[in-house]
Amino acid sequence: MTGPDPHVRLSAWVHGRVQGVGFRWWTRARALELGLTGFASNRPDGRVHVVAQGPREACQRLLDLLQSGETPGAVDNVVADWVEPDAPMTGFHER
């Protein structure tokens, strides 16, 4: 017998041409469709930092989408880290 999908937090650093191309907006739309909370934030070095929290399966689906080659811009690499959520998050925001 399995319980509900445990909630996790995905922290993904997206490398490539991902700023100024609608990447954060696209990521927010996908995350909301998956029922996730968190944010997508442009970083000064050109990366986008995506933090998503929710069921592991939904977070994995978002990571798969980030790596799919079907995002705005051009993703070269995604470095992902999985952690236990330490606090609730509300909504999904572009920063």
PDB file of N, CA and C in Angstrom:
ATOM      1  N   MET A   1       0.847  -1.183   0.000  1.00  0.00           N
ATOM      2  CA  MET A   1       0.000   0.000   0.000  1.00  0.00           C
ATOM      3  C   MET A   1       0.886   1.237   0.000  1.00  0.00           C
ATOM      4  N   THR A   2       0.631   2.153  -0.917  1.00  0.00           N
ATOM      5  CA  THR A   2       1.435   3.362  -1.005  1.00  0.00           C
ATOM      6  C   THR A   2       0.598   4.560  -0.603  1.00  0.00           C
ATOM      7  N   GLY A   3       1.272   5.517   0.029  1.00  0.00           N
ATOM      8  CA  GLY A   3       0.594   6.735   0.439  1.00  0.00           C
ATOM      9  C   GLY A   3       0.642   7.761  -0.669  1.00  0.00           C
ATOM     10  N   PRO A   4       0.259   8.987  -0.351  1.00  0.00           N
ATOM     11  CA  PRO A   4       0.313  10.046  -1.353  1.00  0.00           C
ATOM     12  C   PRO A   4       1.760  10.326  -1.754  1.00  0.00           C
ATOM     13  N   ASP A   5       1.919  10.830  -2.959  1.00  0.00           N
ATOM     14  CA  ASP A   5       3.240  11.177  -3.481  1.00  0.00           C
ATOM     15  C   ASP A   5       3.863  12.219  -2.553  1.00  0.00           C
ATOM     16  N   PRO A   6       5.037  11.936  -1.959  1.00  0.00           N
ATOM     17  CA  PRO A   6       5.624  12.908  -1.035  1.00  0.00           C
ATOM     18  C   PRO A   6       6.016  14.192  -1.751  1.00  0.00           C
ATOM     19  N   HIS A   7       5.884  15.289  -1.046  1.00  0.00           N
ATOM     20  CA  HIS A   7       6.272  16.571  -1.625  1.00  0.00           C
ATOM     21  C   HIS A   7       7.773  16.750  -1.518  1.00  0.00           C
ATOM     22  N   VAL A   8       8.333  17.306  -2.578  1.00  0.00           N
ATOM     23  CA  VAL A   8       9.766  17.563  -2.658  1.00  0.00           C
ATOM     24  C   VAL A   8       9.960  18.971  -3.198  1.00  0.00           C
ATOM     25  N   ARG A   9      11.199  19.426  -3.149  1.00  0.00           N
ATOM     26  CA  ARG A   9      11.551  20.697  -3.774  1.00  0.00           C
ATOM     27  C   ARG A   9      12.650  20.419  -4.788  1.00  0.00           C
ATOM     28  N   LEU A  10      12.381  20.829  -6.030  1.00  0.00           N
ATOM     29  CA  LEU A  10      13.349  20.744  -7.116  1.00  0.00           C
ATOM     30  C   LEU A  10      14.013  22.105  -7.268  1.00  0.00           C
ATOM     31  N   SER A  11      15.331  22.104  -7.285  1.00  0.00           N
ATOM     32  CA  SER A  11      16.092  23.312  -7.592  1.00  0.00           C
ATOM     33  C   SER A  11      16.858  23.031  -8.873  1.00  0.00           C
ATOM     34  N   ALA A  12      16.512  23.739  -9.948  1.00  0.00           N
ATOM     35  CA  ALA A  12      17.121  23.477 -11.253  1.00  0.00           C
ATOM     36  C   ALA A  12      17.782  24.746 -11.790  1.00  0.00           C
ATOM     37  N   TRP A  13      19.053  24.627 -12.128  1.00  0.00           N
ATOM     38  CA  TRP A  13      19.809  25.728 -12.740  1.00  0.00           C
ATOM     39  C   TRP A  13      19.856  25.454 -14.232  1.00  0.00           C
ATOM     40  N   VAL A  14      19.212  26.335 -15.008  1.00  0.00           N
ATOM     41  CA  VAL A  14      19.082  26.126 -16.446  1.00  0.00           C
ATOM     42  C   VAL A  14      20.109  27.003 -17.161  1.00  0.00           C
ATOM     43  N   HIS A  15      20.988  26.349 -17.912  1.00  0.00           N
ATOM     44  CA  HIS A  15      22.054  27.024 -18.645  1.00  0.00           C
ATOM     45  C   HIS A  15      21.680  27.107 -20.122  1.00  0.00           C
ATOM     46  N   GLY A  16      22.093  28.161 -20.779  1.00  0.00           N
ATOM     47  CA  GLY A  16      21.849  28.315 -22.214  1.00  0.00           C
ATOM     48  C   GLY A  16      21.341  29.716 -22.510  1.00  0.00           C
ATOM     49  N   ARG A  17      20.691  29.851 -23.677  1.00  0.00           N
ATOM     50  CA  ARG A  17      20.080  31.140 -24.042  1.00  0.00           C
ATOM     51  C   ARG A  17      18.639  31.099 -23.540  1.00  0.00           C
ATOM     52  N   VAL A  18      18.489  31.472 -22.246  1.00  0.00           N
ATOM     53  CA  VAL A  18      17.198  31.305 -21.592  1.00  0.00           C
ATOM     54  C   VAL A  18      16.685  32.603 -20.953  1.00  0.00           C
ATOM     55  N   GLN A  19      17.335  33.715 -21.231  1.00  0.00           N
ATOM     56  CA  GLN A  19      16.839  35.000 -20.738  1.00  0.00           C
ATOM     57  C   GLN A  19      16.402  35.851 -21.918  1.00  0.00           C
ATOM     58  N   GLY A  20      15.304  36.585 -21.726  1.00  0.00           N
ATOM     59  CA  GLY A  20      14.792  37.455 -22.777  1.00  0.00           C
ATOM     60  C   GLY A  20      14.068  36.727 -23.895  1.00  0.00           C
ATOM     61  N   VAL A  21      13.670  35.478 -23.635  1.00  0.00           N
ATOM     62  CA  VAL A  21      13.016  34.670 -24.674  1.00  0.00           C
ATOM     63  C   VAL A  21      11.674  34.093 -24.213  1.00  0.00           C
ATOM     64  N   GLY A  22      11.179  34.549 -23.045  1.00  0.00           N
ATOM     65  CA  GLY A  22       9.912  34.027 -22.523  1.00  0.00           C
ATOM     66  C   GLY A  22      10.055  32.745 -21.732  1.00  0.00           C
ATOM     67  N   PHE A  23      11.284  32.399 -21.371  1.00  0.00           N
ATOM     68  CA  PHE A  23      11.532  31.132 -20.685  1.00  0.00           C
ATOM     69  C   PHE A  23      10.859  31.073 -19.316  1.00  0.00           C
ATOM     70  N   ARG A  24      10.978  32.140 -18.524  1.00  0.00           N
ATOM     71  CA  ARG A  24      10.375  32.136 -17.186  1.00  0.00           C
ATOM     72  C   ARG A  24       8.858  32.056 -17.279  1.00  0.00           C
ATOM     73  N   TRP A  25       8.254  32.791 -18.213  1.00  0.00           N
ATOM     74  CA  TRP A  25       6.803  32.750 -18.402  1.00  0.00           C
ATOM     75  C   TRP A  25       6.370  31.332 -18.780  1.00  0.00           C
ATOM     76  N   TRP A  26       7.093  30.710 -19.707  1.00  0.00           N
ATOM     77  CA  TRP A  26       6.784  29.350 -20.152  1.00  0.00           C
ATOM     78  C   TRP A  26       6.896  28.371 -18.989  1.00  0.00           C
ATOM     79  N   THR A  27       7.961  28.521 -18.199  1.00  0.00           N
ATOM     80  CA  THR A  27       8.176  27.644 -17.051  1.00  0.00           C
ATOM     81  C   THR A  27       7.042  27.801 -16.037  1.00  0.00           C
ATOM     82  N   ARG A  28       6.655  29.051 -15.773  1.00  0.00           N
ATOM     83  CA  ARG A  28       5.556  29.315 -14.837  1.00  0.00           C
ATOM     84  C   ARG A  28       4.270  28.633 -15.316  1.00  0.00           C
ATOM     85  N   ALA A  29       3.955  28.758 -16.605  1.00  0.00           N
ATOM     86  CA  ALA A  29       2.743  28.150 -17.159  1.00  0.00           C
ATOM     87  C   ALA A  29       2.766  26.631 -16.982  1.00  0.00           C
ATOM     88  N   ARG A  30       3.907  25.987 -17.277  1.00  0.00           N
ATOM     89  CA  ARG A  30       4.010  24.530 -17.126  1.00  0.00           C
ATOM     90  C   ARG A  30       3.877  24.132 -15.651  1.00  0.00           C
ATOM     91  N   ALA A  31       4.523  24.885 -14.758  1.00  0.00           N
ATOM     92  CA  ALA A  31       4.475  24.558 -13.329  1.00  0.00           C
ATOM     93  C   ALA A  31       3.052  24.666 -12.799  1.00  0.00           C
ATOM     94  N   LEU A  32       2.329  25.709 -13.204  1.00  0.00           N
ATOM     95  CA  LEU A  32       0.946  25.873 -12.751  1.00  0.00           C
ATOM     96  C   LEU A  32       0.061  24.751 -13.279  1.00  0.00           C
ATOM     97  N   GLU A  33       0.285  24.327 -14.533  1.00  0.00           N
ATOM     98  CA  GLU A  33      -0.470  23.203 -15.083  1.00  0.00           C
ATOM     99  C   GLU A  33      -0.245  21.934 -14.259  1.00  0.00           C
ATOM    100  N   LEU A  34       0.949  21.797 -13.699  1.00  0.00           N
ATOM    101  CA  LEU A  34       1.308  20.615 -12.917  1.00  0.00           C
ATOM    102  C   LEU A  34       0.949  20.764 -11.440  1.00  0.00           C
ATOM    103  N   GLY A  35       0.408  21.921 -11.057  1.00  0.00           N
ATOM    104  CA  GLY A  35       0.004  22.135  -9.674  1.00  0.00           C
ATOM    105  C   GLY A  35       1.158  22.424  -8.728  1.00  0.00           C
ATOM    106  N   LEU A  36       2.263  22.933  -9.256  1.00  0.00           N
ATOM    107  CA  LEU A  36       3.451  23.194  -8.441  1.00  0.00           C
ATOM    108  C   LEU A  36       3.487  24.637  -7.955  1.00  0.00           C
ATOM    109  N   THR A  37       4.223  24.864  -6.883  1.00  0.00           N
ATOM    110  CA  THR A  37       4.493  26.203  -6.390  1.00  0.00           C
ATOM    111  C   THR A  37       5.984  26.473  -6.528  1.00  0.00           C
ATOM    112  N   GLY A  38       6.363  27.764  -6.504  1.00  0.00           N
ATOM    113  CA  GLY A  38       7.779  28.100  -6.580  1.00  0.00           C
ATOM    114  C   GLY A  38       8.020  29.347  -7.394  1.00  0.00           C
ATOM    115  N   PHE A  39       9.182  29.370  -8.091  1.00  0.00           N
ATOM    116  CA  PHE A  39       9.540  30.548  -8.881  1.00  0.00           C
ATOM    117  C   PHE A  39      10.560  30.204  -9.951  1.00  0.00           C
ATOM    118  N   ALA A  40      10.660  31.094 -10.935  1.00  0.00           N
ATOM    119  CA  ALA A  40      11.711  31.055 -11.947  1.00  0.00           C
ATOM    120  C   ALA A  40      12.368  32.428 -11.940  1.00  0.00           C
ATOM    121  N   SER A  41      13.684  32.453 -11.776  1.00  0.00           N
ATOM    122  CA  SER A  41      14.403  33.700 -11.551  1.00  0.00           C
ATOM    123  C   SER A  41      15.602  33.818 -12.481  1.00  0.00           C
ATOM    124  N   ASN A  42      15.707  34.970 -13.181  1.00  0.00           N
ATOM    125  CA  ASN A  42      16.907  35.239 -13.963  1.00  0.00           C
ATOM    126  C   ASN A  42      18.077  35.487 -13.018  1.00  0.00           C
ATOM    127  N   ARG A  43      19.230  34.954 -13.355  1.00  0.00           N
ATOM    128  CA  ARG A  43      20.444  35.160 -12.573  1.00  0.00           C
ATOM    129  C   ARG A  43      21.404  36.044 -13.362  1.00  0.00           C
ATOM    130  N   PRO A  44      22.258  36.800 -12.682  1.00  0.00           N
ATOM    131  CA  PRO A  44      23.164  37.726 -13.379  1.00  0.00           C
ATOM    132  C   PRO A  44      24.102  37.041 -14.377  1.00  0.00           C
ATOM    133  N   ASP A  45      24.395  35.752 -14.175  1.00  0.00           N
ATOM    134  CA  ASP A  45      25.321  35.048 -15.079  1.00  0.00           C
ATOM    135  C   ASP A  45      24.632  34.474 -16.313  1.00  0.00           C
ATOM    136  N   GLY A  46      23.332  34.768 -16.501  1.00  0.00           N
ATOM    137  CA  GLY A  46      22.624  34.304 -17.695  1.00  0.00           C
ATOM    138  C   GLY A  46      21.802  33.046 -17.489  1.00  0.00           C
ATOM    139  N   ARG A  47      21.958  32.401 -16.353  1.00  0.00           N
ATOM    140  CA  ARG A  47      21.153  31.206 -16.079  1.00  0.00           C
ATOM    141  C   ARG A  47      19.764  31.616 -15.569  1.00  0.00           C
ATOM    142  N   VAL A  48      18.859  30.648 -15.569  1.00  0.00           N
ATOM    143  CA  VAL A  48      17.569  30.801 -14.898  1.00  0.00           C
ATOM    144  C   VAL A  48      17.538  29.761 -13.784  1.00  0.00           C
ATOM    145  N   HIS A  49      17.180  30.207 -12.586  1.00  0.00           N
ATOM    146  CA  HIS A  49      17.037  29.307 -11.442  1.00  0.00           C
ATOM    147  C   HIS A  49      15.555  29.004 -11.275  1.00  0.00           C
ATOM    148  N   VAL A  50      15.198  27.736 -11.371  1.00  0.00           N
ATOM    149  CA  VAL A  50      13.818  27.294 -11.205  1.00  0.00           C
ATOM    150  C   VAL A  50      13.724  26.516  -9.898  1.00  0.00           C
ATOM    151  N   VAL A  51      12.835  26.951  -9.026  1.00  0.00           N
ATOM    152  CA  VAL A  51      12.560  26.224  -7.789  1.00  0.00           C
ATOM    153  C   VAL A  51      11.090  25.841  -7.828  1.00  0.00           C
ATOM    154  N   ALA A  52      10.819  24.539  -7.744  1.00  0.00           N
ATOM    155  CA  ALA A  52       9.441  24.048  -7.815  1.00  0.00           C
ATOM    156  C   ALA A  52       9.199  23.096  -6.663  1.00  0.00           C
ATOM    157  N   GLN A  53       8.025  23.213  -6.067  1.00  0.00           N
ATOM    158  CA  GLN A  53       7.696  22.372  -4.923  1.00  0.00           C
ATOM    159  C   GLN A  53       6.339  21.727  -5.142  1.00  0.00           C
ATOM    160  N   GLY A  54       6.253  20.445  -4.790  1.00  0.00           N
ATOM    161  CA  GLY A  54       5.012  19.703  -4.924  1.00  0.00           C
ATOM    162  C   GLY A  54       5.299  18.218  -4.973  1.00  0.00           C
ATOM    163  N   PRO A  55       4.344  17.432  -5.473  1.00  0.00           N
ATOM    164  CA  PRO A  55       4.558  15.986  -5.571  1.00  0.00           C
ATOM    165  C   PRO A  55       5.778  15.672  -6.449  1.00  0.00           C
ATOM    166  N   ARG A  56       6.550  14.666  -6.049  1.00  0.00           N
ATOM    167  CA  ARG A  56       7.783  14.332  -6.775  1.00  0.00           C
ATOM    168  C   ARG A  56       7.508  14.064  -8.261  1.00  0.00           C
ATOM    169  N   GLU A  57       6.431  13.357  -8.555  1.00  0.00           N
ATOM    170  CA  GLU A  57       6.116  13.029  -9.954  1.00  0.00           C
ATOM    171  C   GLU A  57       5.911  14.295 -10.789  1.00  0.00           C
ATOM    172  N   ALA A  58       5.225  15.288 -10.224  1.00  0.00           N
ATOM    173  CA  ALA A  58       4.983  16.542 -10.949  1.00  0.00           C
ATOM    174  C   ALA A  58       6.281  17.330 -11.105  1.00  0.00           C
ATOM    175  N   CYS A  59       7.115  17.344 -10.068  1.00  0.00           N
ATOM    176  CA  CYS A  59       8.407  18.035 -10.172  1.00  0.00           C
ATOM    177  C   CYS A  59       9.289  17.362 -11.224  1.00  0.00           C
ATOM    178  N   GLN A  60       9.265  16.030 -11.265  1.00  0.00           N
ATOM    179  CA  GLN A  60      10.053  15.307 -12.269  1.00  0.00           C
ATOM    180  C   GLN A  60       9.544  15.631 -13.669  1.00  0.00           C
ATOM    181  N   ARG A  61       8.234  15.749 -13.823  1.00  0.00           N
ATOM    182  CA  ARG A  61       7.657  16.099 -15.129  1.00  0.00           C
ATOM    183  C   ARG A  61       8.129  17.483 -15.569  1.00  0.00           C
ATOM    184  N   LEU A  62       8.170  18.448 -14.623  1.00  0.00           N
ATOM    185  CA  LEU A  62       8.670  19.781 -14.961  1.00  0.00           C
ATOM    186  C   LEU A  62      10.135  19.707 -15.367  1.00  0.00           C
ATOM    187  N   LEU A  63      10.933  18.952 -14.641  1.00  0.00           N
ATOM    188  CA  LEU A  63      12.345  18.796 -15.007  1.00  0.00           C
ATOM    189  C   LEU A  63      12.475  18.191 -16.403  1.00  0.00           C
ATOM    190  N   ASP A  64      11.665  17.178 -16.698  1.00  0.00           N
ATOM    191  CA  ASP A  64      11.678  16.575 -18.038  1.00  0.00           C
ATOM    192  C   ASP A  64      11.351  17.622 -19.104  1.00  0.00           C
ATOM    193  N   LEU A  65      10.368  18.485 -18.819  1.00  0.00           N
ATOM    194  CA  LEU A  65       9.998  19.535 -19.775  1.00  0.00           C
ATOM    195  C   LEU A  65      11.142  20.539 -19.959  1.00  0.00           C
ATOM    196  N   LEU A  66      11.818  20.903 -18.865  1.00  0.00           N
ATOM    197  CA  LEU A  66      12.946  21.836 -18.964  1.00  0.00           C
ATOM    198  C   LEU A  66      14.055  21.264 -19.839  1.00  0.00           C
ATOM    199  N   GLN A  67      14.191  19.943 -19.846  1.00  0.00           N
ATOM    200  CA  GLN A  67      15.250  19.264 -20.602  1.00  0.00           C
ATOM    201  C   GLN A  67      14.786  18.775 -21.975  1.00  0.00           C
ATOM    202  N   SER A  68      13.536  19.088 -22.350  1.00  0.00           N
ATOM    203  CA  SER A  68      12.917  18.478 -23.525  1.00  0.00           C
ATOM    204  C   SER A  68      13.402  19.031 -24.860  1.00  0.00           C
ATOM    205  N   GLY A  69      14.035  20.199 -24.845  1.00  0.00           N
ATOM    206  CA  GLY A  69      14.386  20.833 -26.114  1.00  0.00           C
ATOM    207  C   GLY A  69      13.216  21.583 -26.731  1.00  0.00           C
ATOM    208  N   GLU A  70      12.081  21.644 -26.033  1.00  0.00           N
ATOM    209  CA  GLU A  70      10.888  22.319 -26.558  1.00  0.00           C
ATOM    210  C   GLU A  70      10.567  23.594 -25.792  1.00  0.00           C
ATOM    211  N   THR A  71      11.557  24.135 -25.079  1.00  0.00           N
ATOM    212  CA  THR A  71      11.384  25.371 -24.323  1.00  0.00           C
ATOM    213  C   THR A  71      11.673  26.569 -25.218  1.00  0.00           C
ATOM    214  N   PRO A  72      11.242  27.756 -24.816  1.00  0.00           N
ATOM    215  CA  PRO A  72      11.709  28.958 -25.514  1.00  0.00           C
ATOM    216  C   PRO A  72      13.228  29.074 -25.346  1.00  0.00           C
ATOM    217  N   GLY A  73      13.885  29.706 -26.311  1.00  0.00           N
ATOM    218  CA  GLY A  73      15.333  29.865 -26.227  1.00  0.00           C
ATOM    219  C   GLY A  73      16.035  28.568 -26.548  1.00  0.00           C
ATOM    220  N   ALA A  74      17.181  28.365 -25.917  1.00  0.00           N
ATOM    221  CA  ALA A  74      17.980  27.167 -26.169  1.00  0.00           C
ATOM    222  C   ALA A  74      18.625  26.728 -24.863  1.00  0.00           C
ATOM    223  N   VAL A  75      18.195  25.583 -24.336  1.00  0.00           N
ATOM    224  CA  VAL A  75      18.751  25.043 -23.098  1.00  0.00           C
ATOM    225  C   VAL A  75      19.958  24.187 -23.448  1.00  0.00           C
ATOM    226  N   ASP A  76      21.106  24.519 -22.845  1.00  0.00           N
ATOM    227  CA  ASP A  76      22.316  23.723 -23.044  1.00  0.00           C
ATOM    228  C   ASP A  76      22.438  22.621 -21.989  1.00  0.00           C
ATOM    229  N   ASN A  77      22.030  22.935 -20.759  1.00  0.00           N
ATOM    230  CA  ASN A  77      22.229  22.005 -19.657  1.00  0.00           C
ATOM    231  C   ASN A  77      21.292  22.398 -18.514  1.00  0.00           C
ATOM    232  N   VAL A  78      20.840  21.401 -17.757  1.00  0.00           N
ATOM    233  CA  VAL A  78      20.052  21.646 -16.557  1.00  0.00           C
ATOM    234  C   VAL A  78      20.707  20.881 -15.414  1.00  0.00           C
ATOM    235  N   VAL A  79      21.089  21.605 -14.377  1.00  0.00           N
ATOM    236  CA  VAL A  79      21.664  20.987 -13.186  1.00  0.00           C
ATOM    237  C   VAL A  79      20.587  20.986 -12.108  1.00  0.00           C
ATOM    238  N   ALA A  80      20.160  19.795 -11.703  1.00  0.00           N
ATOM    239  CA  ALA A  80      19.036  19.668 -10.784  1.00  0.00           C
ATOM    240  C   ALA A  80      19.486  19.124  -9.443  1.00  0.00           C
ATOM    241  N   ASP A  81      18.810  19.595  -8.405  1.00  0.00           N
ATOM    242  CA  ASP A  81      19.057  19.138  -7.052  1.00  0.00           C
ATOM    243  C   ASP A  81      17.702  18.920  -6.383  1.00  0.00           C
ATOM    244  N   TRP A  82      17.572  17.834  -5.642  1.00  0.00           N
ATOM    245  CA  TRP A  82      16.330  17.503  -4.948  1.00  0.00           C
ATOM    246  C   TRP A  82      16.534  17.660  -3.455  1.00  0.00           C
ATOM    247  N   VAL A  83      15.636  18.382  -2.805  1.00  0.00           N
ATOM    248  CA  VAL A  83      15.728  18.559  -1.360  1.00  0.00           C
ATOM    249  C   VAL A  83      14.339  18.413  -0.737  1.00  0.00           C
ATOM    250  N   GLU A  84      14.325  18.223   0.563  1.00  0.00           N
ATOM    251  CA  GLU A  84      13.061  18.211   1.292  1.00  0.00           C
ATOM    252  C   GLU A  84      12.563  19.652   1.400  1.00  0.00           C
ATOM    253  N   PRO A  85      11.278  19.906   1.197  1.00  0.00           N
ATOM    254  CA  PRO A  85      10.763  21.263   1.379  1.00  0.00           C
ATOM    255  C   PRO A  85      10.909  21.677   2.841  1.00  0.00           C
ATOM    256  N   ASP A  86      11.390  22.904   3.054  1.00  0.00           N
ATOM    257  CA  ASP A  86      11.549  23.356   4.434  1.00  0.00           C
ATOM    258  C   ASP A  86      10.458  24.342   4.842  1.00  0.00           C
ATOM    259  N   ALA A  87       9.699  24.832   3.880  1.00  0.00           N
ATOM    260  CA  ALA A  87       8.604  25.758   4.177  1.00  0.00           C
ATOM    261  C   ALA A  87       7.626  25.727   3.008  1.00  0.00           C
ATOM    262  N   PRO A  88       6.335  25.961   3.277  1.00  0.00           N
ATOM    263  CA  PRO A  88       5.370  26.007   2.181  1.00  0.00           C
ATOM    264  C   PRO A  88       5.647  27.194   1.255  1.00  0.00           C
ATOM    265  N   MET A  89       5.319  27.025   0.003  1.00  0.00           N
ATOM    266  CA  MET A  89       5.406  28.105  -0.987  1.00  0.00           C
ATOM    267  C   MET A  89       4.015  28.297  -1.558  1.00  0.00           C
ATOM    268  N   THR A  90       3.692  29.533  -1.954  1.00  0.00           N
ATOM    269  CA  THR A  90       2.390  29.776  -2.558  1.00  0.00           C
ATOM    270  C   THR A  90       2.591  30.341  -3.951  1.00  0.00           C
ATOM    271  N   GLY A  91       1.759  29.894  -4.882  1.00  0.00           N
ATOM    272  CA  GLY A  91       1.826  30.379  -6.256  1.00  0.00           C
ATOM    273  C   GLY A  91       3.119  29.987  -6.943  1.00  0.00           C
ATOM    274  N   PHE A  92       3.249  30.411  -8.189  1.00  0.00           N
ATOM    275  CA  PHE A  92       4.493  30.218  -8.938  1.00  0.00           C
ATOM    276  C   PHE A  92       4.774  31.547  -9.614  1.00  0.00           C
ATOM    277  N   HIS A  93       5.924  32.118  -9.333  1.00  0.00           N
ATOM    278  CA  HIS A  93       6.208  33.489  -9.718  1.00  0.00           C
ATOM    279  C   HIS A  93       7.442  33.598 -10.614  1.00  0.00           C
ATOM    280  N   GLU A  94       7.438  34.633 -11.420  1.00  0.00           N
ATOM    281  CA  GLU A  94       8.637  35.018 -12.172  1.00  0.00           C
ATOM    282  C   GLU A  94       9.343  36.082 -11.346  1.00  0.00           C
ATOM    283  N   ARG A  95      10.641  35.919 -11.191  1.00  0.00           N
ATOM    284  CA  ARG A  95      11.419  36.904 -10.445  1.00  0.00           C
ATOM    285  C   ARG A  95      12.468  37.519 -11.338  1.00  0.00           C
TER     286      ARG A  95
END
